Amino acid sequence: MASGSARKAGARLTNLLYGSINSSTPATAASWTQTGLAAGELAPFGARMASNQIVRNRMKSVKSIQKITKAMKMVAASKLRGIQGKTEDSRGLWQPFTALLGDAPGVDVKKKVILTLSSDKGLCGGINSTSVKFSKALMRLTAASGPDKEASYIVIGEKGKAQLQRDSRKNIKMFITETQKLPINFSLVGYLSSHFFLQFPKYSYAHYVHLDWATSLVDSSGIGFNL
């Protein structure tokens, strides 16, 4: 009724509520009183007010996301405990050999292979990017050591392969993914090692780039050297 009477009078309802747009004098408290509305009950001109239902729906969405995030944290913590136990159990296998033999001394060879270890899935911090960074540094170092020097990549893990393919696709000679589907043990590692070097007998030197796990918040990068 109010808007109908305003149209008949040739005026706009917004002008009645907020004062004339073309007028330099804003609406006074008296004009608000005449409309029967308090000044604090209306939003500024042109603003959109969210309904109570929209606010409730957004609150429900936030709570649903919180539940999903909490469930993901619980699953990740469970997987971490399992992987942590396997990692600690495997240290008794390789640590004595590493302490006894150490890294092989450096030799001047023409053809090297860089074995980059990475994961198949993300959300694990800078593990994959750090391995790729060290691998690329070794590749640049080999290229800078002479025109007759050559290096190639063997990549384990989908994330390492994806990052190295961006600018070093031609240097990737082999990649293996989905290794996490099988339990990592001595038999699997021995099979992969023999497979690598049977396929590439022309390489005389190998670098393997890996990260040593310390805690869930700390890891240290490492580069191994084997003949």
Protein backbone atom coordinates (compact mmCIF):
# COMPACT_ATOMS: atom_id res chain seq x y z
CA MET A 1 0.00 0.00 0.00
CA ALA A 2 2.78 2.37 0.84
CA SER A 3 4.60 1.73 -2.43
CA GLY A 4 1.34 2.00 -4.40
CA SER A 5 0.50 5.37 -2.89
CA ALA A 6 4.06 6.50 -3.50
CA ARG A 7 3.82 5.62 -7.20
CA LYS A 8 0.55 7.49 -7.54
CA ALA A 9 2.16 10.50 -5.97
CA GLY A 10 5.06 10.25 -8.42
CA ALA A 11 7.64 9.49 -5.70
CA ARG A 12 9.86 6.48 -4.97
CA LEU A 13 9.71 4.48 -1.81
CA THR A 14 13.51 4.52 -1.41
CA ASN A 15 13.45 8.27 -1.58
CA LEU A 16 10.84 8.34 1.15
CA LEU A 17 12.91 6.05 3.37
CA TYR A 18 16.39 7.34 2.69
CA GLY A 19 15.77 10.83 1.44
CA SER A 20 16.03 12.04 -2.13
CA ILE A 21 19.16 10.86 -3.94
CA ASN A 22 19.43 14.15 -5.78
CA SER A 23 18.87 16.09 -2.61
CA SER A 24 21.89 17.34 -0.72
CA THR A 25 20.09 17.05 2.64
CA PRO A 26 20.04 13.50 4.05
CA ALA A 27 17.02 11.99 5.69
CA THR A 28 16.56 13.25 9.23
CA ALA A 29 15.41 11.42 12.33
CA ALA A 30 12.01 12.98 11.86
CA SER A 31 11.66 11.38 8.43
CA TRP A 32 12.50 7.97 9.93
CA THR A 33 9.84 8.53 12.58
CA GLN A 34 7.28 9.35 9.91
CA THR A 35 7.89 6.05 8.15
CA GLY A 36 7.37 4.11 11.39
CA LEU A 37 10.88 2.58 11.19
CA ALA A 38 13.87 3.11 13.42
CA ALA A 39 17.09 4.24 11.75
CA GLY A 40 19.01 1.16 12.96
CA GLU A 41 16.50 -1.29 11.46
CA LEU A 42 17.49 -0.64 7.85
CA ALA A 43 20.78 -1.39 6.11
CA PRO A 44 22.58 1.32 4.14
CA PHE A 45 21.15 2.06 0.73
CA GLY A 46 22.17 -0.60 -1.82
CA ALA A 47 23.32 -3.20 0.76
CA ARG A 48 22.05 -6.76 0.69
CA MET A 49 20.94 -8.42 3.88
CA ALA A 50 21.49 -12.18 4.33
CA SER A 51 18.46 -14.01 5.55
CA ASN A 52 18.54 -16.12 8.68
CA GLN A 53 18.16 -19.27 6.60
CA ILE A 54 21.29 -18.47 4.55
CA VAL A 55 23.28 -17.89 7.72
CA ARG A 56 22.07 -21.18 9.19
CA ASN A 57 22.99 -23.05 6.00
CA ARG A 58 26.49 -21.60 6.07
CA MET A 59 26.92 -22.60 9.70
CA LYS A 60 25.86 -26.15 8.85
CA SER A 61 28.38 -26.23 5.98
CA VAL A 62 31.19 -25.10 8.26
CA LYS A 63 30.31 -27.77 10.83
CA SER A 64 30.22 -30.44 8.11
CA ILE A 65 33.67 -29.39 6.88
CA GLN A 66 34.98 -29.52 10.44
CA LYS A 67 33.72 -33.10 10.82
CA ILE A 68 35.32 -34.16 7.53
CA THR A 69 38.62 -32.51 8.49
CA LYS A 70 38.62 -34.22 11.88
CA ALA A 71 38.02 -37.60 10.24
CA MET A 72 40.87 -36.99 7.78
CA LYS A 73 43.21 -36.12 10.65
CA MET A 74 42.34 -39.35 12.44
CA VAL A 75 42.96 -41.43 9.30
CA ALA A 76 46.26 -39.63 8.63
CA ALA A 77 47.40 -40.17 12.24
CA SER A 78 46.61 -43.88 11.99
CA LYS A 79 48.55 -44.24 8.73
CA LEU A 80 51.46 -42.27 10.16
CA ARG A 81 51.74 -44.63 13.13
CA GLY A 82 51.85 -47.62 10.79
CA ILE A 83 54.48 -46.11 8.49
CA GLN A 84 56.50 -44.92 11.48
CA GLY A 85 56.65 -48.45 12.87
CA LYS A 86 57.81 -49.89 9.52
CA THR A 87 60.44 -47.17 9.14
CA GLU A 88 61.88 -47.76 12.58
CA ASP A 89 61.92 -51.53 12.02
CA SER A 90 63.83 -51.13 8.74
CA ARG A 91 66.66 -49.14 10.30
CA GLY A 92 68.24 -52.29 11.67
CA LEU A 93 68.69 -53.52 8.10
CA TRP A 94 70.48 -50.62 6.44
CA GLN A 95 72.11 -48.68 9.27
CA PRO A 96 74.82 -51.30 10.04
CA PHE A 97 75.82 -51.47 6.36
CA THR A 98 75.90 -47.69 6.09
CA ALA A 99 78.04 -47.37 9.20
CA LEU A 100 80.41 -50.09 8.00
CA LEU A 101 80.78 -49.19 4.34
CA GLY A 102 79.76 -45.56 4.17
CA ASP A 103 79.43 -43.80 0.83
CA ALA A 104 81.55 -45.00 -2.04
CA PRO A 105 84.36 -42.61 -2.98
CA GLY A 106 83.80 -40.31 -5.91
CA VAL A 107 85.08 -41.36 -9.31
CA ASP A 108 85.20 -39.58 -12.63
CA VAL A 109 82.72 -41.28 -14.95
CA LYS A 110 80.94 -40.13 -18.06
CA LYS A 111 77.49 -41.58 -17.50
CA LYS A 112 75.56 -41.38 -14.24
CA VAL A 113 72.05 -42.22 -13.16
CA ILE A 114 70.11 -40.24 -10.56
CA LEU A 115 67.58 -42.29 -8.61
CA THR A 116 64.96 -39.94 -7.19
CA LEU A 117 62.70 -41.24 -4.42
CA SER A 118 59.31 -39.58 -3.96
CA SER A 119 55.74 -40.45 -2.99
CA ASP A 120 52.70 -41.24 -5.08
CA LYS A 121 50.43 -38.90 -3.12
CA GLY A 122 50.73 -35.34 -1.89
CA LEU A 123 49.90 -33.58 1.38
CA CYS A 124 53.27 -34.56 2.85
CA GLY A 125 55.03 -31.24 3.13
CA GLY A 126 58.17 -30.53 1.14
CA ILE A 127 59.39 -34.12 0.82
CA ASN A 128 58.82 -34.46 -2.92
CA SER A 129 59.86 -30.93 -3.87
CA THR A 130 63.10 -31.28 -1.87
CA SER A 131 63.99 -34.56 -3.57
CA VAL A 132 63.34 -33.04 -6.98
CA LYS A 133 65.37 -29.95 -6.10
CA PHE A 134 68.42 -32.01 -5.14
CA SER A 135 68.02 -34.20 -8.23
CA LYS A 136 67.98 -31.19 -10.52
CA ALA A 137 71.03 -29.78 -8.76
CA LEU A 138 72.91 -33.04 -9.43
CA MET A 139 71.86 -32.88 -13.08
CA ARG A 140 73.15 -29.30 -13.43
CA LEU A 141 76.39 -30.25 -11.67
CA THR A 142 76.94 -33.13 -14.08
CA ALA A 143 76.25 -30.93 -17.11
CA ALA A 144 78.65 -28.28 -15.84
CA SER A 145 81.47 -30.79 -15.30
CA GLY A 146 82.06 -31.30 -19.01
CA PRO A 147 80.38 -31.75 -22.40
CA ASP A 148 81.11 -35.48 -22.41
CA LYS A 149 79.27 -36.07 -19.12
CA GLU A 150 75.74 -37.46 -19.15
CA ALA A 151 73.14 -38.12 -16.45
CA SER A 152 69.66 -39.63 -16.52
CA TYR A 153 66.79 -39.99 -14.07
CA ILE A 154 65.16 -43.06 -12.61
CA VAL A 155 62.15 -41.90 -10.62
CA ILE A 156 60.17 -43.77 -7.99
CA GLY A 157 56.87 -42.10 -7.16
CA GLU A 158 54.22 -40.22 -9.09
CA LYS A 159 54.93 -36.80 -7.55
CA GLY A 160 58.61 -36.84 -8.43
CA LYS A 161 57.83 -37.94 -11.98
CA ALA A 162 55.25 -35.17 -12.42
CA GLN A 163 57.67 -32.46 -11.30
CA LEU A 164 60.66 -33.69 -13.30
CA GLN A 165 58.60 -34.12 -16.47
CA ARG A 166 57.99 -30.39 -16.67
CA ASP A 167 61.49 -29.55 -17.89
CA SER A 168 63.43 -32.85 -17.94
CA ARG A 169 61.15 -35.29 -19.72
CA LYS A 170 63.87 -36.46 -22.11
CA ASN A 171 66.21 -37.31 -19.21
CA ILE A 172 63.76 -39.68 -17.49
CA LYS A 173 64.72 -43.20 -18.55
CA MET A 174 62.43 -45.09 -16.19
CA PHE A 175 59.81 -44.41 -13.55
CA ILE A 176 57.90 -46.66 -11.16
CA THR A 177 54.70 -45.66 -9.36
CA GLU A 178 52.21 -47.19 -6.92
CA THR A 179 54.95 -48.77 -4.84
CA GLN A 180 52.96 -48.11 -1.67
CA LYS A 181 50.51 -50.86 -2.63
CA LEU A 182 53.11 -53.48 -1.78
CA PRO A 183 54.89 -53.89 1.57
CA ILE A 184 58.41 -52.52 1.39
CA ASN A 185 60.86 -55.25 2.37
CA PHE A 186 64.29 -56.52 1.39
CA SER A 187 62.94 -58.71 -1.42
CA LEU A 188 61.14 -55.81 -3.11
CA VAL A 189 64.10 -53.45 -2.78
CA GLY A 190 66.48 -56.12 -4.08
CA TYR A 191 64.28 -56.80 -7.07
CA LEU A 192 64.01 -53.12 -7.95
CA SER A 193 67.75 -52.56 -7.57
CA SER A 194 68.68 -55.49 -9.77
CA HIS A 195 66.06 -54.45 -12.30
CA PHE A 196 67.46 -50.92 -12.51
CA PHE A 197 71.04 -51.91 -13.13
CA LEU A 198 70.26 -54.79 -15.44
CA GLN A 199 68.31 -52.37 -17.60
CA PHE A 200 71.06 -49.75 -17.53
CA PRO A 201 74.45 -51.50 -17.56
CA LYS A 202 76.08 -48.58 -19.37
CA TYR A 203 75.88 -46.35 -16.30
CA SER A 204 78.93 -46.51 -14.06
CA TYR A 205 77.73 -44.41 -11.14
CA ALA A 206 74.45 -43.87 -9.33
CA HIS A 207 73.18 -41.13 -7.05
CA TYR A 208 70.10 -41.87 -4.98
CA VAL A 209 68.28 -38.88 -3.57
CA HIS A 210 66.15 -39.50 -0.50
CA LEU A 211 64.91 -37.91 2.71
CA ASP A 212 65.63 -39.34 6.15
CA TRP A 213 62.56 -39.27 8.39
CA ALA A 214 63.24 -37.97 11.89
CA THR A 215 59.83 -36.93 13.26
CA SER A 216 56.48 -35.90 11.82
CA LEU A 217 57.75 -32.31 11.74
CA VAL A 218 61.43 -32.77 10.85
CA ASP A 219 63.17 -34.55 7.99
CA SER A 220 66.63 -34.23 6.49
CA SER A 221 67.59 -34.60 2.86
CA GLY A 222 70.38 -36.91 1.82
CA ILE A 223 72.24 -38.01 -1.28
CA GLY A 224 73.81 -41.44 -1.51
CA PHE A 225 76.53 -42.54 -3.88
CA ASN A 226 76.99 -46.07 -5.09
CA LEU A 227 79.11 -47.68 -7.76
